């Protein structure tokens, strides 16, 4: 879905609306990266 949305957004006309679609696709992926960084600060149970 990420790849499909990125391609569709880059081809979208008008481009500013494509940017909104791309932002919607990127935000959850940013959230995944933030989650991984948050997990670094948590203690790891044996």
ModelCIF file with pLDDT and N, C-alpha, C, O atoms, coordinates in Angstrom:
data_MODEL
#
_entry.id   MODEL 
#
_entity.id                         1 
_entity.type                       polymer 
_entity.pdbx_number_of_molecules   1 
#
_entity_poly.entity_id                      1 
_entity_poly.type                           'polypeptide(L)' 
_entity_poly.nstd_linkage                   no 
_entity_poly.nstd_monomer                   no 
_entity_poly.pdbx_seq_one_letter_code       
;(UNK)(UNK)(UNK)(UNK)(UNK)(UNK)(UNK)(UNK)(UNK)(UNK)(UNK)(UNK)(UNK)(UNK)(UNK)(UNK)
(UNK)(UNK)(UNK)(UNK)(UNK)(UNK)(UNK)(UNK)(UNK)(UNK)(UNK)(UNK)(UNK)(UNK)(UNK)(UNK)
(UNK)(UNK)(UNK)(UNK)(UNK)(UNK)(UNK)(UNK)(UNK)(UNK)(UNK)(UNK)(UNK)(UNK)
;
_entity_poly.pdbx_seq_one_letter_code_can   XXXXXXXXXXXXXXXXXXXXXXXXXXXXXXXXXXXXXXXXXXXXXX 
_entity_poly.pdbx_strand_id                 A 
#
loop_
_entity_poly_seq.entity_id 
_entity_poly_seq.num 
_entity_poly_seq.mon_id 
_entity_poly_seq.hetero 
1 1  UNK n 
1 2  UNK n 
1 3  UNK n 
1 4  UNK n 
1 5  UNK n 
1 6  UNK n 
1 7  UNK n 
1 8  UNK n 
1 9  UNK n 
1 10 UNK n 
1 11 UNK n 
1 12 UNK n 
1 13 UNK n 
1 14 UNK n 
1 15 UNK n 
1 16 UNK n 
1 17 UNK n 
1 18 UNK n 
1 19 UNK n 
1 20 UNK n 
1 21 UNK n 
1 22 UNK n 
1 23 UNK n 
1 24 UNK n 
1 25 UNK n 
1 26 UNK n 
1 27 UNK n 
1 28 UNK n 
1 29 UNK n 
1 30 UNK n 
1 31 UNK n 
1 32 UNK n 
1 33 UNK n 
1 34 UNK n 
1 35 UNK n 
1 36 UNK n 
1 37 UNK n 
1 38 UNK n 
1 39 UNK n 
1 40 UNK n 
1 41 UNK n 
1 42 UNK n 
1 43 UNK n 
1 44 UNK n 
1 45 UNK n 
1 46 UNK n 
#
_struct_asym.id          A 
_struct_asym.entity_id   1 
#
loop_
_ma_qa_metric.id 
_ma_qa_metric.mode 
_ma_qa_metric.name 
_ma_qa_metric.software_group_id 
_ma_qa_metric.type 
1 global pLDDT . pLDDT 
2 local  pLDDT . pLDDT 
#
_ma_qa_metric_global.metric_id      1 
_ma_qa_metric_global.metric_value   91.78 
_ma_qa_metric_global.model_id       1 
_ma_qa_metric_global.ordinal_id     1 
#
loop_
_ma_qa_metric_local.label_asym_id 
_ma_qa_metric_local.label_comp_id 
_ma_qa_metric_local.label_seq_id 
_ma_qa_metric_local.metric_id 
_ma_qa_metric_local.metric_value 
_ma_qa_metric_local.model_id 
_ma_qa_metric_local.ordinal_id 
A UNK 1  2 98.00 1 1  
A UNK 2  2 98.00 1 2  
A UNK 3  2 97.00 1 3  
A UNK 4  2 97.00 1 4  
A UNK 5  2 97.00 1 5  
A UNK 6  2 97.00 1 6  
A UNK 7  2 95.00 1 7  
A UNK 8  2 95.00 1 8  
A UNK 9  2 94.00 1 9  
A UNK 10 2 92.00 1 10 
A UNK 11 2 89.00 1 11 
A UNK 12 2 87.00 1 12 
A UNK 13 2 75.00 1 13 
A UNK 14 2 74.00 1 14 
A UNK 15 2 81.00 1 15 
A UNK 16 2 82.00 1 16 
A UNK 17 2 86.00 1 17 
A UNK 18 2 91.00 1 18 
A UNK 19 2 93.00 1 19 
A UNK 20 2 95.00 1 20 
A UNK 21 2 96.00 1 21 
A UNK 22 2 97.00 1 22 
A UNK 23 2 97.00 1 23 
A UNK 24 2 98.00 1 24 
A UNK 25 2 98.00 1 25 
A UNK 26 2 98.00 1 26 
A UNK 27 2 98.00 1 27 
A UNK 28 2 98.00 1 28 
A UNK 29 2 98.00 1 29 
A UNK 30 2 98.00 1 30 
A UNK 31 2 98.00 1 31 
A UNK 32 2 98.00 1 32 
A UNK 33 2 97.00 1 33 
A UNK 34 2 97.00 1 34 
A UNK 35 2 96.00 1 35 
A UNK 36 2 95.00 1 36 
A UNK 37 2 95.00 1 37 
A UNK 38 2 95.00 1 38 
A UNK 39 2 92.00 1 39 
A UNK 40 2 89.00 1 40 
A UNK 41 2 84.00 1 41 
A UNK 42 2 83.00 1 42 
A UNK 43 2 79.00 1 43 
A UNK 44 2 80.00 1 44 
A UNK 45 2 78.00 1 45 
A UNK 46 2 77.00 1 46 
#
loop_
_atom_site.group_PDB 
_atom_site.id 
_atom_site.type_symbol 
_atom_site.label_atom_id 
_atom_site.label_alt_id 
_atom_site.label_comp_id 
_atom_site.label_asym_id 
_atom_site.label_entity_id 
_atom_site.label_seq_id 
_atom_site.pdbx_PDB_ins_code 
_atom_site.Cartn_x 
_atom_site.Cartn_y 
_atom_site.Cartn_z 
_atom_site.occupancy 
_atom_site.B_iso_or_equiv 
_atom_site.pdbx_formal_charge 
_atom_site.auth_seq_id 
_atom_site.auth_comp_id 
_atom_site.auth_asym_id 
_atom_site.auth_atom_id 
_atom_site.pdbx_PDB_model_num 
ATOM 1   N N  . UNK A 1 1  ? 0.831  -1.211  0.000   1.00 98.00 ? 1  UNK A N  1 
ATOM 2   C CA . UNK A 1 1  ? 0.000  0.000   0.000   1.00 98.00 ? 1  UNK A CA 1 
ATOM 3   C C  . UNK A 1 1  ? 0.858  1.250   0.000   1.00 98.00 ? 1  UNK A C  1 
ATOM 4   O O  . UNK A 1 1  ? 0.537  2.223   -0.682  1.00 98.00 ? 1  UNK A O  1 
ATOM 5   N N  . UNK A 1 2  ? 1.954  1.235   0.762   1.00 98.00 ? 2  UNK A N  1 
ATOM 6   C CA . UNK A 1 2  ? 2.836  2.405   0.797   1.00 98.00 ? 2  UNK A CA 1 
ATOM 7   C C  . UNK A 1 2  ? 3.378  2.715   -0.585  1.00 98.00 ? 2  UNK A C  1 
ATOM 8   O O  . UNK A 1 2  ? 3.308  3.860   -1.033  1.00 98.00 ? 2  UNK A O  1 
ATOM 9   N N  . UNK A 1 3  ? 3.913  1.721   -1.263  1.00 97.00 ? 3  UNK A N  1 
ATOM 10  C CA . UNK A 1 3  ? 4.484  1.952   -2.592  1.00 97.00 ? 3  UNK A CA 1 
ATOM 11  C C  . UNK A 1 3  ? 3.411  2.452   -3.559  1.00 97.00 ? 3  UNK A C  1 
ATOM 12  O O  . UNK A 1 3  ? 3.652  3.389   -4.319  1.00 97.00 ? 3  UNK A O  1 
ATOM 13  N N  . UNK A 1 4  ? 2.231  1.834   -3.534  1.00 97.00 ? 4  UNK A N  1 
ATOM 14  C CA . UNK A 1 4  ? 1.153  2.238   -4.445  1.00 97.00 ? 4  UNK A CA 1 
ATOM 15  C C  . UNK A 1 4  ? 0.730  3.686   -4.190  1.00 97.00 ? 4  UNK A C  1 
ATOM 16  O O  . UNK A 1 4  ? 0.511  4.447   -5.133  1.00 97.00 ? 4  UNK A O  1 
ATOM 17  N N  . UNK A 1 5  ? 0.618  4.060   -2.930  1.00 97.00 ? 5  UNK A N  1 
ATOM 18  C CA . UNK A 1 5  ? 0.199  5.428   -2.609  1.00 97.00 ? 5  UNK A CA 1 
ATOM 19  C C  . UNK A 1 5  ? 1.273  6.446   -2.975  1.00 97.00 ? 5  UNK A C  1 
ATOM 20  O O  . UNK A 1 5  ? 0.953  7.536   -3.448  1.00 97.00 ? 5  UNK A O  1 
ATOM 21  N N  . UNK A 1 6  ? 2.532  6.107   -2.764  1.00 97.00 ? 6  UNK A N  1 
ATOM 22  C CA . UNK A 1 6  ? 3.615  7.035   -3.113  1.00 97.00 ? 6  UNK A CA 1 
ATOM 23  C C  . UNK A 1 6  ? 3.601  7.317   -4.615  1.00 97.00 ? 6  UNK A C  1 
ATOM 24  O O  . UNK A 1 6  ? 3.711  8.470   -5.034  1.00 97.00 ? 6  UNK A O  1 
ATOM 25  N N  . UNK A 1 7  ? 3.466  6.274   -5.416  1.00 95.00 ? 7  UNK A N  1 
ATOM 26  C CA . UNK A 1 7  ? 3.442  6.455   -6.869  1.00 95.00 ? 7  UNK A CA 1 
ATOM 27  C C  . UNK A 1 7  ? 2.209  7.263   -7.282  1.00 95.00 ? 7  UNK A C  1 
ATOM 28  O O  . UNK A 1 7  ? 2.308  8.185   -8.092  1.00 95.00 ? 7  UNK A O  1 
ATOM 29  N N  . UNK A 1 8  ? 1.039  6.909   -6.719  1.00 95.00 ? 8  UNK A N  1 
ATOM 30  C CA . UNK A 1 8  ? -0.187 7.635   -7.060  1.00 95.00 ? 8  UNK A CA 1 
ATOM 31  C C  . UNK A 1 8  ? -0.082 9.104   -6.666  1.00 95.00 ? 8  UNK A C  1 
ATOM 32  O O  . UNK A 1 8  ? -0.500 9.983   -7.421  1.00 95.00 ? 8  UNK A O  1 
ATOM 33  N N  . UNK A 1 9  ? 0.474  9.373   -5.486  1.00 94.00 ? 9  UNK A N  1 
ATOM 34  C CA . UNK A 1 9  ? 0.604  10.761  -5.017  1.00 94.00 ? 9  UNK A CA 1 
ATOM 35  C C  . UNK A 1 9  ? 1.553  11.556  -5.898  1.00 94.00 ? 9  UNK A C  1 
ATOM 36  O O  . UNK A 1 9  ? 1.291  12.723  -6.190  1.00 94.00 ? 9  UNK A O  1 
ATOM 37  N N  . UNK A 1 10 ? 2.661  10.939  -6.330  1.00 92.00 ? 10 UNK A N  1 
ATOM 38  C CA . UNK A 1 10 ? 3.615  11.645  -7.179  1.00 92.00 ? 10 UNK A CA 1 
ATOM 39  C C  . UNK A 1 10 ? 3.025  11.979  -8.547  1.00 92.00 ? 10 UNK A C  1 
ATOM 40  O O  . UNK A 1 10 ? 3.409  12.969  -9.170  1.00 92.00 ? 10 UNK A O  1 
ATOM 41  N N  . UNK A 1 11 ? 2.090  11.150  -9.010  1.00 89.00 ? 11 UNK A N  1 
ATOM 42  C CA . UNK A 1 11 ? 1.439  11.381  -10.302 1.00 89.00 ? 11 UNK A CA 1 
ATOM 43  C C  . UNK A 1 11 ? 0.180  12.229  -10.193 1.00 89.00 ? 11 UNK A C  1 
ATOM 44  O O  . UNK A 1 11 ? -0.402 12.606  -11.210 1.00 89.00 ? 11 UNK A O  1 
ATOM 45  N N  . UNK A 1 12 ? -0.243 12.531  -8.977  1.00 87.00 ? 12 UNK A N  1 
ATOM 46  C CA . UNK A 1 12 ? -1.549 13.172  -8.766  1.00 87.00 ? 12 UNK A CA 1 
ATOM 47  C C  . UNK A 1 12 ? -1.566 14.576  -9.340  1.00 87.00 ? 12 UNK A C  1 
ATOM 48  O O  . UNK A 1 12 ? -0.573 15.301  -9.272  1.00 87.00 ? 12 UNK A O  1 
ATOM 49  N N  . UNK A 1 13 ? -2.689 14.946  -9.899  1.00 75.00 ? 13 UNK A N  1 
ATOM 50  C CA . UNK A 1 13 ? -2.919 16.311  -10.384 1.00 75.00 ? 13 UNK A CA 1 
ATOM 51  C C  . UNK A 1 13 ? -4.230 16.818  -9.818  1.00 75.00 ? 13 UNK A C  1 
ATOM 52  O O  . UNK A 1 13 ? -5.250 16.152  -9.996  1.00 75.00 ? 13 UNK A O  1 
ATOM 53  N N  . UNK A 1 14 ? -4.262 17.963  -9.143  1.00 74.00 ? 14 UNK A N  1 
ATOM 54  C CA . UNK A 1 14 ? -3.128 18.853  -8.917  1.00 74.00 ? 14 UNK A CA 1 
ATOM 55  C C  . UNK A 1 14 ? -2.154 18.304  -7.872  1.00 74.00 ? 14 UNK A C  1 
ATOM 56  O O  . UNK A 1 14 ? -2.529 17.506  -7.012  1.00 74.00 ? 14 UNK A O  1 
ATOM 57  N N  . UNK A 1 15 ? -0.912 18.741  -7.961  1.00 81.00 ? 15 UNK A N  1 
ATOM 58  C CA . UNK A 1 15 ? 0.155  18.164  -7.151  1.00 81.00 ? 15 UNK A CA 1 
ATOM 59  C C  . UNK A 1 15 ? -0.035 18.432  -5.658  1.00 81.00 ? 15 UNK A C  1 
ATOM 60  O O  . UNK A 1 15 ? 0.372  17.618  -4.829  1.00 81.00 ? 15 UNK A O  1 
ATOM 61  N N  . UNK A 1 16 ? -0.650 19.564  -5.309  1.00 82.00 ? 16 UNK A N  1 
ATOM 62  C CA . UNK A 1 16 ? -0.823 19.847  -3.877  1.00 82.00 ? 16 UNK A CA 1 
ATOM 63  C C  . UNK A 1 16 ? -1.776 18.858  -3.226  1.00 82.00 ? 16 UNK A C  1 
ATOM 64  O O  . UNK A 1 16 ? -1.622 18.531  -2.049  1.00 82.00 ? 16 UNK A O  1 
ATOM 65  N N  . UNK A 1 17 ? -2.746 18.385  -3.971  1.00 86.00 ? 17 UNK A N  1 
ATOM 66  C CA . UNK A 1 17 ? -3.614 17.339  -3.426  1.00 86.00 ? 17 UNK A CA 1 
ATOM 67  C C  . UNK A 1 17 ? -2.853 16.020  -3.340  1.00 86.00 ? 17 UNK A C  1 
ATOM 68  O O  . UNK A 1 17 ? -3.072 15.233  -2.419  1.00 86.00 ? 17 UNK A O  1 
ATOM 69  N N  . UNK A 1 18 ? -1.966 15.777  -4.294  1.00 91.00 ? 18 UNK A N  1 
ATOM 70  C CA . UNK A 1 18 ? -1.106 14.604  -4.202  1.00 91.00 ? 18 UNK A CA 1 
ATOM 71  C C  . UNK A 1 18 ? -0.233 14.656  -2.965  1.00 91.00 ? 18 UNK A C  1 
ATOM 72  O O  . UNK A 1 18 ? 0.046  13.622  -2.358  1.00 91.00 ? 18 UNK A O  1 
ATOM 73  N N  . UNK A 1 19 ? 0.202  15.854  -2.583  1.00 93.00 ? 19 UNK A N  1 
ATOM 74  C CA . UNK A 1 19 ? 1.005  16.000  -1.366  1.00 93.00 ? 19 UNK A CA 1 
ATOM 75  C C  . UNK A 1 19 ? 0.208  15.603  -0.133  1.00 93.00 ? 19 UNK A C  1 
ATOM 76  O O  . UNK A 1 19 ? 0.760  15.021  0.800   1.00 93.00 ? 19 UNK A O  1 
ATOM 77  N N  . UNK A 1 20 ? -1.088 15.911  -0.119  1.00 95.00 ? 20 UNK A N  1 
ATOM 78  C CA . UNK A 1 20 ? -1.933 15.510  1.017   1.00 95.00 ? 20 UNK A CA 1 
ATOM 79  C C  . UNK A 1 20 ? -2.055 13.997  1.092   1.00 95.00 ? 20 UNK A C  1 
ATOM 80  O O  . UNK A 1 20 ? -2.010 13.421  2.179   1.00 95.00 ? 20 UNK A O  1 
ATOM 81  N N  . UNK A 1 21 ? -2.211 13.345  -0.069  1.00 96.00 ? 21 UNK A N  1 
ATOM 82  C CA . UNK A 1 21 ? -2.275 11.886  -0.092  1.00 96.00 ? 21 UNK A CA 1 
ATOM 83  C C  . UNK A 1 21 ? -0.954 11.281  0.364   1.00 96.00 ? 21 UNK A C  1 
ATOM 84  O O  . UNK A 1 21 ? -0.937 10.314  1.125   1.00 96.00 ? 21 UNK A O  1 
ATOM 85  N N  . UNK A 1 22 ? 0.143  11.850  -0.101  1.00 97.00 ? 22 UNK A N  1 
ATOM 86  C CA . UNK A 1 22 ? 1.463  11.347  0.302   1.00 97.00 ? 22 UNK A CA 1 
ATOM 87  C C  . UNK A 1 22 ? 1.685  11.546  1.797   1.00 97.00 ? 22 UNK A C  1 
ATOM 88  O O  . UNK A 1 22 ? 2.234  10.669  2.463   1.00 97.00 ? 22 UNK A O  1 
ATOM 89  N N  . UNK A 1 23 ? 1.265  12.686  2.327   1.00 97.00 ? 23 UNK A N  1 
ATOM 90  C CA . UNK A 1 23 ? 1.398  12.919  3.770   1.00 97.00 ? 23 UNK A CA 1 
ATOM 91  C C  . UNK A 1 23 ? 0.628  11.874  4.566   1.00 97.00 ? 23 UNK A C  1 
ATOM 92  O O  . UNK A 1 23 ? 1.115  11.372  5.579   1.00 97.00 ? 23 UNK A O  1 
ATOM 93  N N  . UNK A 1 24 ? -0.583 11.546  4.102   1.00 98.00 ? 24 UNK A N  1 
ATOM 94  C CA . UNK A 1 24 ? -1.368 10.524  4.782   1.00 98.00 ? 24 UNK A CA 1 
ATOM 95  C C  . UNK A 1 24 ? -0.683 9.174   4.790   1.00 98.00 ? 24 UNK A C  1 
ATOM 96  O O  . UNK A 1 24 ? -0.803 8.422   5.757   1.00 98.00 ? 24 UNK A O  1 
ATOM 97  N N  . UNK A 1 25 ? 0.047  8.853   3.703   1.00 98.00 ? 25 UNK A N  1 
ATOM 98  C CA . UNK A 1 25 ? 0.757  7.578   3.635   1.00 98.00 ? 25 UNK A CA 1 
ATOM 99  C C  . UNK A 1 25 ? 2.013  7.582   4.492   1.00 98.00 ? 25 UNK A C  1 
ATOM 100 O O  . UNK A 1 25 ? 2.377  6.558   5.071   1.00 98.00 ? 25 UNK A O  1 
ATOM 101 N N  . UNK A 1 26 ? 2.675  8.731   4.574   1.00 98.00 ? 26 UNK A N  1 
ATOM 102 C CA . UNK A 1 26 ? 3.955  8.802   5.288   1.00 98.00 ? 26 UNK A CA 1 
ATOM 103 C C  . UNK A 1 26 ? 3.766  8.865   6.798   1.00 98.00 ? 26 UNK A C  1 
ATOM 104 O O  . UNK A 1 26 ? 4.590  8.338   7.545   1.00 98.00 ? 26 UNK A O  1 
ATOM 105 N N  . UNK A 1 27 ? 2.694  9.502   7.258   1.00 98.00 ? 27 UNK A N  1 
ATOM 106 C CA . UNK A 1 27 ? 2.504  9.697   8.702   1.00 98.00 ? 27 UNK A CA 1 
ATOM 107 C C  . UNK A 1 27 ? 2.530  8.371   9.473   1.00 98.00 ? 27 UNK A C  1 
ATOM 108 O O  . UNK A 1 27 ? 3.226  8.306   10.487  1.00 98.00 ? 27 UNK A O  1 
ATOM 109 N N  . UNK A 1 28 ? 1.821  7.309   9.063   1.00 98.00 ? 28 UNK A N  1 
ATOM 110 C CA . UNK A 1 28 ? 1.918  6.052   9.811   1.00 98.00 ? 28 UNK A CA 1 
ATOM 111 C C  . UNK A 1 28 ? 3.318  5.445   9.793   1.00 98.00 ? 28 UNK A C  1 
ATOM 112 O O  . UNK A 1 28 ? 3.714  4.782   10.751  1.00 98.00 ? 28 UNK A O  1 
ATOM 113 N N  . UNK A 1 29 ? 4.073  5.663   8.712   1.00 98.00 ? 29 UNK A N  1 
ATOM 114 C CA . UNK A 1 29 ? 5.430  5.133   8.656   1.00 98.00 ? 29 UNK A CA 1 
ATOM 115 C C  . UNK A 1 29 ? 6.350  5.907   9.591   1.00 98.00 ? 29 UNK A C  1 
ATOM 116 O O  . UNK A 1 29 ? 7.245  5.329   10.208  1.00 98.00 ? 29 UNK A O  1 
ATOM 117 N N  . UNK A 1 30 ? 6.129  7.213   9.696   1.00 98.00 ? 30 UNK A N  1 
ATOM 118 C CA . UNK A 1 30 ? 6.859  8.002   10.685  1.00 98.00 ? 30 UNK A CA 1 
ATOM 119 C C  . UNK A 1 30 ? 6.531  7.506   12.087  1.00 98.00 ? 30 UNK A C  1 
ATOM 120 O O  . UNK A 1 30 ? 7.412  7.409   12.942  1.00 98.00 ? 30 UNK A O  1 
ATOM 121 N N  . UNK A 1 31 ? 5.261  7.193   12.316  1.00 98.00 ? 31 UNK A N  1 
ATOM 122 C CA . UNK A 1 31 ? 4.832  6.698   13.627  1.00 98.00 ? 31 UNK A CA 1 
ATOM 123 C C  . UNK A 1 31 ? 5.555  5.405   13.992  1.00 98.00 ? 31 UNK A C  1 
ATOM 124 O O  . UNK A 1 31 ? 5.886  5.189   15.158  1.00 98.00 ? 31 UNK A O  1 
ATOM 125 N N  . UNK A 1 32 ? 5.804  4.539   13.002  1.00 98.00 ? 32 UNK A N  1 
ATOM 126 C CA . UNK A 1 32 ? 6.525  3.297   13.270  1.00 98.00 ? 32 UNK A CA 1 
ATOM 127 C C  . UNK A 1 32 ? 7.960  3.572   13.690  1.00 98.00 ? 32 UNK A C  1 
ATOM 128 O O  . UNK A 1 32 ? 8.484  2.907   14.584  1.00 98.00 ? 32 UNK A O  1 
ATOM 129 N N  . UNK A 1 33 ? 8.602  4.548   13.054  1.00 97.00 ? 33 UNK A N  1 
ATOM 130 C CA . UNK A 1 33 ? 9.968  4.908   13.430  1.00 97.00 ? 33 UNK A CA 1 
ATOM 131 C C  . UNK A 1 33 ? 10.008 5.504   14.835  1.00 97.00 ? 33 UNK A C  1 
ATOM 132 O O  . UNK A 1 33 ? 10.895 5.187   15.628  1.00 97.00 ? 33 UNK A O  1 
ATOM 133 N N  . UNK A 1 34 ? 9.045  6.366   15.136  1.00 97.00 ? 34 UNK A N  1 
ATOM 134 C CA . UNK A 1 34 ? 8.985  6.959   16.481  1.00 97.00 ? 34 UNK A CA 1 
ATOM 135 C C  . UNK A 1 34 ? 8.780  5.870   17.532  1.00 97.00 ? 34 UNK A C  1 
ATOM 136 O O  . UNK A 1 34 ? 9.381  5.919   18.605  1.00 97.00 ? 34 UNK A O  1 
ATOM 137 N N  . UNK A 1 35 ? 7.935  4.889   17.225  1.00 96.00 ? 35 UNK A N  1 
ATOM 138 C CA . UNK A 1 35 ? 7.700  3.785   18.151  1.00 96.00 ? 35 UNK A CA 1 
ATOM 139 C C  . UNK A 1 35 ? 8.989  3.029   18.458  1.00 96.00 ? 35 UNK A C  1 
ATOM 140 O O  . UNK A 1 35 ? 9.246  2.669   19.607  1.00 96.00 ? 35 UNK A O  1 
ATOM 141 N N  . UNK A 1 36 ? 9.798  2.792   17.424  1.00 95.00 ? 36 UNK A N  1 
ATOM 142 C CA . UNK A 1 36 ? 11.062 2.080   17.638  1.00 95.00 ? 36 UNK A CA 1 
ATOM 143 C C  . UNK A 1 36 ? 12.009 2.888   18.514  1.00 95.00 ? 36 UNK A C  1 
ATOM 144 O O  . UNK A 1 36 ? 12.719 2.320   19.344  1.00 95.00 ? 36 UNK A O  1 
ATOM 145 N N  . UNK A 1 37 ? 12.026 4.209   18.339  1.00 95.00 ? 37 UNK A N  1 
ATOM 146 C CA . UNK A 1 37 ? 12.895 5.049   19.157  1.00 95.00 ? 37 UNK A CA 1 
ATOM 147 C C  . UNK A 1 37 ? 12.406 5.105   20.601  1.00 95.00 ? 37 UNK A C  1 
ATOM 148 O O  . UNK A 1 37 ? 13.208 5.114   21.535  1.00 95.00 ? 37 UNK A O  1 
ATOM 149 N N  . UNK A 1 38 ? 11.081 5.142   20.781  1.00 95.00 ? 38 UNK A N  1 
ATOM 150 C CA . UNK A 1 38 ? 10.529 5.126   22.139  1.00 95.00 ? 38 UNK A CA 1 
ATOM 151 C C  . UNK A 1 38 ? 10.905 3.831   22.851  1.00 95.00 ? 38 UNK A C  1 
ATOM 152 O O  . UNK A 1 38 ? 11.209 3.830   24.044  1.00 95.00 ? 38 UNK A O  1 
ATOM 153 N N  . UNK A 1 39 ? 10.880 2.741   22.112  1.00 92.00 ? 39 UNK A N  1 
ATOM 154 C CA . UNK A 1 39 ? 11.193 1.440   22.707  1.00 92.00 ? 39 UNK A CA 1 
ATOM 155 C C  . UNK A 1 39 ? 12.636 1.377   23.191  1.00 92.00 ? 39 UNK A C  1 
ATOM 156 O O  . UNK A 1 39 ? 12.946 0.622   24.113  1.00 92.00 ? 39 UNK A O  1 
ATOM 157 N N  . UNK A 1 40 ? 13.522 2.161   22.579  1.00 89.00 ? 40 UNK A N  1 
ATOM 158 C CA . UNK A 1 40 ? 14.913 2.178   23.022  1.00 89.00 ? 40 UNK A CA 1 
ATOM 159 C C  . UNK A 1 40 ? 15.043 2.649   24.468  1.00 89.00 ? 40 UNK A C  1 
ATOM 160 O O  . UNK A 1 40 ? 15.942 2.215   25.189  1.00 89.00 ? 40 UNK A O  1 
ATOM 161 N N  . UNK A 1 41 ? 14.149 3.534   24.886  1.00 84.00 ? 41 UNK A N  1 
ATOM 162 C CA . UNK A 1 41 ? 14.215 4.071   26.245  1.00 84.00 ? 41 UNK A CA 1 
ATOM 163 C C  . UNK A 1 41 ? 13.569 3.186   27.287  1.00 84.00 ? 41 UNK A C  1 
ATOM 164 O O  . UNK A 1 41 ? 13.605 3.501   28.477  1.00 84.00 ? 41 UNK A O  1 
ATOM 165 N N  . UNK A 1 42 ? 12.974 2.075   26.857  1.00 83.00 ? 42 UNK A N  1 
ATOM 166 C CA . UNK A 1 42 ? 12.309 1.177   27.798  1.00 83.00 ? 42 UNK A CA 1 
ATOM 167 C C  . UNK A 1 42 ? 13.251 0.051   28.232  1.00 83.00 ? 42 UNK A C  1 
ATOM 168 O O  . UNK A 1 42 ? 14.099 -0.401  27.462  1.00 83.00 ? 42 UNK A O  1 
ATOM 169 N N  . UNK A 1 43 ? 13.085 -0.381  29.456  1.00 79.00 ? 43 UNK A N  1 
ATOM 170 C CA . UNK A 1 43 ? 13.887 -1.491  29.961  1.00 79.00 ? 43 UNK A CA 1 
ATOM 171 C C  . UNK A 1 43 ? 13.471 -2.786  29.265  1.00 79.00 ? 43 UNK A C  1 
ATOM 172 O O  . UNK A 1 43 ? 12.289 -3.016  29.011  1.00 79.00 ? 43 UNK A O  1 
ATOM 173 N N  . UNK A 1 44 ? 14.454 -3.620  28.963  1.00 80.00 ? 44 UNK A N  1 
ATOM 174 C CA . UNK A 1 44 ? 14.189 -4.894  28.289  1.00 80.00 ? 44 UNK A CA 1 
ATOM 175 C C  . UNK A 1 44 ? 14.144 -6.009  29.319  1.00 80.00 ? 44 UNK A C  1 
ATOM 176 O O  . UNK A 1 44 ? 15.101 -6.212  30.065  1.00 80.00 ? 44 UNK A O  1 
ATOM 177 N N  . UNK A 1 45 ? 13.034 -6.729  29.359  1.00 78.00 ? 45 UNK A N  1 
ATOM 178 C CA . UNK A 1 45 ? 12.878 -7.821  30.318  1.00 78.00 ? 45 UNK A CA 1 
ATOM 179 C C  . UNK A 1 45 ? 13.603 -9.068  29.824  1.00 78.00 ? 45 UNK A C  1 
ATOM 180 O O  . UNK A 1 45 ? 13.509 -9.397  28.642  1.00 78.00 ? 45 UNK A O  1 
ATOM 181 N N  . UNK A 1 46 ? 14.341 -9.786  30.716  1.00 77.00 ? 46 UNK A N  1 
ATOM 182 C CA . UNK A 1 46 ? 14.982 -11.046 30.291  1.00 77.00 ? 46 UNK A CA 1 
ATOM 183 C C  . UNK A 1 46 ? 13.967 -12.102 29.873  1.00 77.00 ? 46 UNK A C  1 
ATOM 184 O O  . UNK A 1 46 ? 14.348 -13.208 29.493  1.00 77.00 ? 46 UNK A O  1 
#
